[in-house]
């Protein structure tokens, strides 16, 4: 598929839409099988996500769309926005100022991803706001 993207979106080194957060690149696409979108039993799209930093890469197939989300550019923007929301929740749950025990959402991602999210929480939040305030950031 060919897409036109507006900032804050970028074409990542994986040649798919994504966003830059600090030293990391987050890439997202819709999981496909023989060029058809893969859906869960309740008709949710499954997103394939990569978070690439200089030190590590995290790959995830657990982020899902809402029910019956169409397979189009809008759903990519929605999926990326949802991913940023989950990363922000994980970052807040890993904030040591809330106490000795991590919060309920701390296990949304592996510990090293949660630590990265905590360290980059402001940038994640700003990117999410930018993305949500840019209608049709990807078409």
N, C-alpha and C. Protein backbone atom coordinates (compact mmCIF):
# COMPACT_ATOMS: atom_id res chain seq x y z
N UNK A 1 0.85 -1.18 0.00
CA UNK A 1 0.00 0.00 0.00
C UNK A 1 0.89 1.24 0.00
N UNK A 2 0.44 2.26 -0.69
CA UNK A 2 1.16 3.53 -0.71
C UNK A 2 0.44 4.50 0.21
N UNK A 3 1.21 5.15 1.07
CA UNK A 3 0.63 6.10 2.01
C UNK A 3 1.31 7.45 1.87
N UNK A 4 0.56 8.49 2.17
CA UNK A 4 1.10 9.83 2.31
C UNK A 4 1.01 10.16 3.79
N UNK A 5 2.15 10.56 4.36
CA UNK A 5 2.19 10.81 5.80
C UNK A 5 2.57 12.26 6.09
N UNK A 6 1.97 12.79 7.14
CA UNK A 6 2.29 14.13 7.63
C UNK A 6 2.94 13.98 9.00
N UNK A 7 3.80 14.93 9.38
CA UNK A 7 4.38 14.89 10.73
C UNK A 7 3.26 14.86 11.77
N UNK A 8 3.41 14.10 12.82
CA UNK A 8 4.65 13.54 13.34
C UNK A 8 5.02 12.18 12.76
N UNK A 9 4.25 11.66 11.80
CA UNK A 9 4.54 10.34 11.24
C UNK A 9 5.75 10.40 10.31
N UNK A 10 6.45 9.27 10.25
CA UNK A 10 7.60 9.14 9.37
C UNK A 10 7.53 7.78 8.67
N UNK A 11 8.30 7.65 7.62
CA UNK A 11 8.53 6.36 7.01
C UNK A 11 9.74 5.77 7.73
N UNK A 12 9.54 4.67 8.43
CA UNK A 12 10.63 4.12 9.24
C UNK A 12 11.60 3.31 8.39
N UNK A 13 12.68 2.88 9.00
CA UNK A 13 13.66 2.05 8.29
C UNK A 13 13.07 0.71 7.88
N UNK A 14 11.93 0.35 8.43
CA UNK A 14 11.23 -0.88 8.04
C UNK A 14 10.32 -0.64 6.83
N UNK A 15 10.34 0.61 6.33
CA UNK A 15 9.55 1.04 5.18
C UNK A 15 8.05 0.94 5.43
N UNK A 16 7.66 1.22 6.66
CA UNK A 16 6.26 1.30 7.05
C UNK A 16 6.07 2.54 7.93
N UNK A 17 4.83 2.98 8.14
CA UNK A 17 4.59 4.17 8.95
C UNK A 17 5.04 3.98 10.40
N UNK A 18 5.45 5.08 10.99
CA UNK A 18 5.86 5.05 12.38
C UNK A 18 6.10 6.44 12.92
N UNK A 19 6.79 6.45 14.04
CA UNK A 19 7.03 7.71 14.75
C UNK A 19 8.37 7.60 15.47
N UNK A 20 9.02 8.73 15.66
CA UNK A 20 10.30 8.76 16.37
C UNK A 20 10.05 9.28 17.77
N UNK A 21 10.55 8.56 18.77
CA UNK A 21 10.46 8.96 20.18
C UNK A 21 11.88 8.84 20.75
N UNK A 22 12.48 9.97 21.08
CA UNK A 22 13.85 9.94 21.60
C UNK A 22 14.78 9.25 20.62
N UNK A 23 15.50 8.25 21.10
CA UNK A 23 16.42 7.52 20.23
C UNK A 23 15.77 6.29 19.60
N UNK A 24 14.46 6.17 19.73
CA UNK A 24 13.75 4.98 19.25
C UNK A 24 12.88 5.32 18.04
N UNK A 25 12.66 4.29 17.24
CA UNK A 25 11.70 4.37 16.15
C UNK A 25 10.63 3.33 16.42
N UNK A 26 9.37 3.77 16.37
CA UNK A 26 8.25 2.86 16.55
C UNK A 26 7.59 2.69 15.18
N UNK A 27 7.49 1.46 14.74
CA UNK A 27 6.89 1.12 13.44
C UNK A 27 5.65 0.28 13.69
N UNK A 28 4.64 0.45 12.83
CA UNK A 28 3.39 -0.28 13.00
C UNK A 28 2.79 -0.60 11.65
N UNK A 29 2.31 -1.83 11.51
CA UNK A 29 1.56 -2.21 10.32
C UNK A 29 0.44 -3.16 10.75
N UNK A 30 -0.48 -3.39 9.85
CA UNK A 30 -1.56 -4.34 10.10
C UNK A 30 -1.05 -5.72 9.72
N UNK A 31 -1.21 -6.67 10.63
CA UNK A 31 -0.79 -8.05 10.37
C UNK A 31 -1.57 -8.58 9.17
N UNK A 32 -0.86 -9.24 8.25
CA UNK A 32 -1.49 -9.75 7.03
C UNK A 32 -1.14 -11.21 6.80
N UNK A 33 -2.06 -11.89 6.14
CA UNK A 33 -1.84 -13.27 5.71
C UNK A 33 -2.32 -13.33 4.26
N UNK A 34 -1.40 -13.54 3.34
CA UNK A 34 -1.71 -13.55 1.90
C UNK A 34 -2.46 -12.28 1.50
N UNK A 35 -1.94 -11.15 1.92
CA UNK A 35 -2.44 -9.81 1.61
C UNK A 35 -3.82 -9.48 2.19
N UNK A 36 -4.33 -10.32 3.07
CA UNK A 36 -5.59 -10.04 3.75
C UNK A 36 -5.28 -9.71 5.21
N UNK A 37 -5.98 -8.73 5.79
CA UNK A 37 -5.70 -8.43 7.19
C UNK A 37 -6.08 -9.60 8.10
N UNK A 38 -5.24 -9.85 9.09
CA UNK A 38 -5.53 -10.88 10.08
C UNK A 38 -6.44 -10.25 11.14
N UNK A 39 -7.52 -10.94 11.47
CA UNK A 39 -8.46 -10.44 12.47
C UNK A 39 -8.65 -11.48 13.57
N UNK A 40 -8.99 -10.99 14.74
CA UNK A 40 -9.32 -11.87 15.86
C UNK A 40 -10.73 -12.42 15.64
N UNK A 41 -11.15 -13.32 16.52
CA UNK A 41 -12.51 -13.89 16.42
C UNK A 41 -13.59 -12.81 16.53
N UNK A 42 -13.31 -11.74 17.27
CA UNK A 42 -14.31 -10.67 17.38
C UNK A 42 -14.04 -9.52 16.39
N UNK A 43 -13.35 -9.84 15.28
CA UNK A 43 -13.17 -8.96 14.13
C UNK A 43 -12.25 -7.76 14.38
N UNK A 44 -11.33 -7.87 15.30
CA UNK A 44 -10.35 -6.81 15.53
C UNK A 44 -9.13 -7.05 14.65
N UNK A 45 -8.58 -5.95 14.11
CA UNK A 45 -7.32 -6.05 13.39
C UNK A 45 -6.19 -6.30 14.39
N UNK A 46 -5.19 -7.01 13.96
CA UNK A 46 -4.00 -7.23 14.80
C UNK A 46 -2.87 -6.40 14.20
N UNK A 47 -2.24 -5.59 15.05
CA UNK A 47 -1.13 -4.75 14.61
C UNK A 47 0.19 -5.44 14.90
N UNK A 48 1.12 -5.28 14.00
CA UNK A 48 2.49 -5.75 14.19
C UNK A 48 3.31 -4.51 14.51
N UNK A 49 3.94 -4.52 15.67
CA UNK A 49 4.64 -3.35 16.19
C UNK A 49 6.11 -3.69 16.44
N UNK A 50 6.97 -2.74 16.10
CA UNK A 50 8.38 -2.83 16.46
C UNK A 50 8.78 -1.54 17.16
N UNK A 51 9.50 -1.67 18.25
CA UNK A 51 10.15 -0.52 18.89
C UNK A 51 11.64 -0.80 18.78
N UNK A 52 12.33 0.03 18.01
CA UNK A 52 13.76 -0.15 17.77
C UNK A 52 14.53 0.96 18.45
N UNK A 53 15.44 0.59 19.34
CA UNK A 53 16.37 1.54 19.96
C UNK A 53 17.78 1.11 19.57
N UNK A 54 18.78 1.91 19.86
CA UNK A 54 20.15 1.48 19.57
C UNK A 54 20.56 0.23 20.34
N UNK A 55 19.94 -0.03 21.50
CA UNK A 55 20.32 -1.17 22.34
C UNK A 55 19.48 -2.42 22.14
N UNK A 56 18.22 -2.28 21.74
CA UNK A 56 17.33 -3.43 21.66
C UNK A 56 16.20 -3.17 20.68
N UNK A 57 15.53 -4.26 20.31
CA UNK A 57 14.32 -4.22 19.49
C UNK A 57 13.25 -5.02 20.21
N UNK A 58 12.08 -4.44 20.29
CA UNK A 58 10.92 -5.14 20.86
C UNK A 58 9.90 -5.32 19.74
N UNK A 59 9.42 -6.55 19.57
CA UNK A 59 8.42 -6.86 18.56
C UNK A 59 7.16 -7.34 19.27
N UNK A 60 6.00 -6.86 18.82
CA UNK A 60 4.75 -7.14 19.52
C UNK A 60 3.64 -7.42 18.51
N UNK A 61 2.80 -8.39 18.82
CA UNK A 61 1.63 -8.71 17.99
C UNK A 61 0.35 -8.71 18.84
N UNK A 62 0.35 -8.01 19.97
CA UNK A 62 -0.80 -8.06 20.87
C UNK A 62 -1.70 -6.82 20.78
N UNK A 63 -1.26 -5.77 20.12
CA UNK A 63 -2.08 -4.56 20.00
C UNK A 63 -3.17 -4.84 18.97
N UNK A 64 -4.42 -4.51 19.34
CA UNK A 64 -5.56 -4.78 18.46
C UNK A 64 -6.41 -3.53 18.29
N UNK A 65 -7.13 -3.51 17.19
CA UNK A 65 -8.04 -2.39 16.91
C UNK A 65 -9.35 -2.60 17.64
N UNK A 66 -10.25 -1.65 17.45
CA UNK A 66 -11.62 -1.85 17.89
C UNK A 66 -12.29 -2.86 16.96
N UNK A 67 -13.49 -3.29 17.31
CA UNK A 67 -14.21 -4.27 16.50
C UNK A 67 -14.54 -3.70 15.11
N UNK A 68 -14.33 -4.53 14.10
CA UNK A 68 -14.67 -4.19 12.71
C UNK A 68 -14.00 -2.92 12.19
N UNK A 69 -12.82 -2.60 12.71
CA UNK A 69 -12.06 -1.46 12.19
C UNK A 69 -11.72 -1.75 10.73
N UNK A 70 -11.93 -0.79 9.84
CA UNK A 70 -11.60 -1.05 8.43
C UNK A 70 -10.09 -1.14 8.24
N UNK A 71 -9.69 -1.84 7.21
CA UNK A 71 -8.29 -2.01 6.86
C UNK A 71 -7.88 -0.83 5.98
N UNK A 72 -7.52 0.29 6.60
CA UNK A 72 -7.14 1.47 5.82
C UNK A 72 -6.14 2.33 6.60
N UNK A 73 -5.77 3.44 6.01
CA UNK A 73 -4.77 4.33 6.62
C UNK A 73 -5.25 4.85 7.97
N UNK A 74 -6.55 5.14 8.09
CA UNK A 74 -7.09 5.64 9.37
C UNK A 74 -6.81 4.64 10.49
N UNK A 75 -6.97 3.35 10.20
CA UNK A 75 -6.76 2.36 11.25
C UNK A 75 -5.29 2.29 11.66
N UNK A 76 -4.36 2.62 10.76
CA UNK A 76 -2.95 2.67 11.14
C UNK A 76 -2.70 3.82 12.12
N UNK A 77 -3.29 4.97 11.85
CA UNK A 77 -3.13 6.11 12.74
C UNK A 77 -3.78 5.82 14.09
N UNK A 78 -4.94 5.21 14.08
CA UNK A 78 -5.63 4.82 15.32
C UNK A 78 -4.80 3.81 16.10
N UNK A 79 -4.24 2.83 15.40
CA UNK A 79 -3.41 1.82 16.06
C UNK A 79 -2.17 2.42 16.70
N UNK A 80 -1.53 3.34 16.01
CA UNK A 80 -0.34 3.98 16.57
C UNK A 80 -0.70 4.84 17.78
N UNK A 81 -1.82 5.53 17.70
CA UNK A 81 -2.28 6.32 18.84
C UNK A 81 -2.58 5.43 20.05
N UNK A 82 -3.22 4.28 19.80
CA UNK A 82 -3.49 3.34 20.89
C UNK A 82 -2.20 2.81 21.50
N UNK A 83 -1.24 2.47 20.66
CA UNK A 83 0.05 1.99 21.15
C UNK A 83 0.71 3.03 22.05
N UNK A 84 0.70 4.30 21.62
CA UNK A 84 1.28 5.36 22.45
C UNK A 84 0.56 5.49 23.78
N UNK A 85 -0.75 5.30 23.76
CA UNK A 85 -1.53 5.35 25.00
C UNK A 85 -1.12 4.21 25.95
N UNK A 86 -0.93 3.01 25.41
CA UNK A 86 -0.49 1.88 26.24
C UNK A 86 0.93 2.12 26.78
N UNK A 87 1.80 2.68 25.95
CA UNK A 87 3.16 2.97 26.41
C UNK A 87 3.14 4.02 27.53
N UNK A 88 2.28 5.00 27.40
CA UNK A 88 2.16 6.03 28.43
C UNK A 88 1.63 5.44 29.74
N UNK A 89 0.64 4.56 29.65
CA UNK A 89 0.10 3.91 30.85
C UNK A 89 1.19 3.06 31.52
N UNK A 90 1.96 2.36 30.73
CA UNK A 90 3.06 1.55 31.26
C UNK A 90 4.12 2.44 31.92
N UNK A 91 4.41 3.57 31.28
CA UNK A 91 5.39 4.52 31.83
C UNK A 91 4.93 5.04 33.19
N UNK A 92 3.67 5.42 33.29
CA UNK A 92 3.14 5.92 34.56
C UNK A 92 3.18 4.85 35.64
N UNK A 93 2.91 3.62 35.27
CA UNK A 93 2.93 2.53 36.24
C UNK A 93 4.34 2.22 36.72
N UNK A 94 5.34 2.60 35.93
CA UNK A 94 6.73 2.38 36.30
C UNK A 94 7.37 3.58 36.99
N UNK A 95 6.58 4.60 37.27
CA UNK A 95 7.10 5.81 37.93
C UNK A 95 7.41 5.50 39.39
N UNK A 96 8.69 5.57 39.79
CA UNK A 96 9.05 5.23 41.17
C UNK A 96 8.49 6.19 42.22
N UNK A 97 8.06 7.36 41.82
CA UNK A 97 7.51 8.30 42.80
C UNK A 97 6.14 7.87 43.32
N UNK A 98 5.52 6.85 42.68
CA UNK A 98 4.24 6.34 43.15
C UNK A 98 4.37 5.25 44.20
N UNK A 99 5.58 4.92 44.57
CA UNK A 99 5.78 3.89 45.59
C UNK A 99 6.75 2.83 45.16
N UNK A 100 6.97 1.88 46.05
CA UNK A 100 7.95 0.83 45.80
C UNK A 100 7.47 -0.19 44.78
N UNK A 101 6.20 -0.43 44.72
CA UNK A 101 5.65 -1.45 43.82
C UNK A 101 5.20 -0.80 42.51
N UNK A 102 5.50 -1.45 41.37
CA UNK A 102 5.00 -0.91 40.11
C UNK A 102 3.48 -0.93 40.07
N UNK A 103 2.91 -0.05 39.28
CA UNK A 103 1.46 0.03 39.14
C UNK A 103 0.90 -1.12 38.32
N UNK A 104 -0.42 -1.13 38.24
CA UNK A 104 -1.15 -2.22 37.59
C UNK A 104 -0.79 -2.39 36.11
N UNK A 105 -0.48 -1.32 35.42
CA UNK A 105 -0.19 -1.39 33.98
C UNK A 105 1.29 -1.61 33.67
N UNK A 106 2.11 -1.83 34.69
CA UNK A 106 3.56 -1.96 34.48
C UNK A 106 3.92 -3.16 33.63
N UNK A 107 3.08 -4.17 33.59
CA UNK A 107 3.41 -5.38 32.84
C UNK A 107 2.80 -5.40 31.44
N UNK A 108 2.37 -4.25 30.93
CA UNK A 108 1.86 -4.19 29.56
C UNK A 108 2.97 -4.53 28.55
N UNK A 109 4.21 -4.24 28.94
CA UNK A 109 5.37 -4.49 28.10
C UNK A 109 6.46 -5.09 28.97
N UNK A 110 7.48 -5.71 28.37
CA UNK A 110 8.59 -6.22 29.17
C UNK A 110 9.25 -5.09 29.97
N UNK A 111 9.95 -5.42 31.06
CA UNK A 111 10.53 -4.39 31.92
C UNK A 111 11.42 -3.37 31.20
N UNK A 112 12.25 -3.82 30.26
CA UNK A 112 13.13 -2.86 29.57
C UNK A 112 12.33 -1.87 28.71
N UNK A 113 11.20 -2.30 28.17
CA UNK A 113 10.35 -1.39 27.40
C UNK A 113 9.64 -0.43 28.34
N UNK A 114 9.18 -0.94 29.49
CA UNK A 114 8.56 -0.07 30.49
C UNK A 114 9.51 0.99 31.00
N UNK A 115 10.76 0.62 31.22
CA UNK A 115 11.77 1.59 31.67
C UNK A 115 12.01 2.64 30.59
N UNK A 116 12.12 2.18 29.34
CA UNK A 116 12.30 3.12 28.23
C UNK A 116 11.10 4.07 28.15
N UNK A 117 9.89 3.52 28.28
CA UNK A 117 8.68 4.35 28.22
C UNK A 117 8.68 5.38 29.34
N UNK A 118 9.08 4.96 30.54
CA UNK A 118 9.15 5.89 31.67
C UNK A 118 10.13 7.03 31.37
N UNK A 119 11.28 6.68 30.81
CA UNK A 119 12.30 7.69 30.51
C UNK A 119 11.87 8.63 29.39
N UNK A 120 10.95 8.19 28.55
CA UNK A 120 10.51 8.98 27.40
C UNK A 120 9.04 9.37 27.46
N UNK A 121 8.47 9.35 28.67
CA UNK A 121 7.03 9.57 28.82
C UNK A 121 6.58 10.92 28.27
N UNK A 122 7.34 11.98 28.49
CA UNK A 122 6.93 13.29 27.96
C UNK A 122 6.87 13.28 26.45
N UNK A 123 7.86 12.69 25.80
CA UNK A 123 7.87 12.63 24.34
C UNK A 123 6.74 11.74 23.82
N UNK A 124 6.46 10.66 24.52
CA UNK A 124 5.35 9.78 24.12
C UNK A 124 4.04 10.56 24.19
N UNK A 125 3.84 11.29 25.27
CA UNK A 125 2.62 12.09 25.43
C UNK A 125 2.48 13.16 24.37
N UNK A 126 3.59 13.86 24.07
CA UNK A 126 3.55 14.90 23.05
C UNK A 126 3.26 14.31 21.68
N UNK A 127 3.87 13.17 21.37
CA UNK A 127 3.63 12.52 20.09
C UNK A 127 2.18 12.08 19.97
N UNK A 128 1.62 11.58 21.06
CA UNK A 128 0.22 11.15 21.03
C UNK A 128 -0.70 12.34 20.79
N UNK A 129 -0.44 13.45 21.45
CA UNK A 129 -1.25 14.65 21.25
C UNK A 129 -1.13 15.13 19.80
N UNK A 130 0.10 15.20 19.29
CA UNK A 130 0.31 15.63 17.90
C UNK A 130 -0.44 14.73 16.93
N UNK A 131 -0.33 13.43 17.16
CA UNK A 131 -0.97 12.48 16.27
C UNK A 131 -2.49 12.61 16.31
N UNK A 132 -3.05 12.79 17.50
CA UNK A 132 -4.49 12.91 17.63
C UNK A 132 -5.01 14.24 17.12
N UNK A 133 -4.16 15.29 17.10
CA UNK A 133 -4.56 16.59 16.62
C UNK A 133 -4.28 16.78 15.13
N UNK A 134 -3.75 15.77 14.47
CA UNK A 134 -3.46 15.84 13.04
C UNK A 134 -4.42 14.91 12.30
N UNK A 135 -5.58 15.43 11.93
CA UNK A 135 -6.50 14.55 11.21
C UNK A 135 -5.86 14.08 9.90
N UNK A 136 -6.08 12.85 9.58
CA UNK A 136 -5.54 12.28 8.35
C UNK A 136 -4.02 12.46 8.25
N UNK A 137 -3.31 12.16 9.34
CA UNK A 137 -1.85 12.22 9.32
C UNK A 137 -1.29 11.20 8.35
N UNK A 138 -2.10 10.22 8.04
CA UNK A 138 -1.72 9.22 7.05
C UNK A 138 -2.93 8.96 6.14
N UNK A 139 -2.70 9.04 4.86
CA UNK A 139 -3.78 8.81 3.89
C UNK A 139 -3.29 7.91 2.77
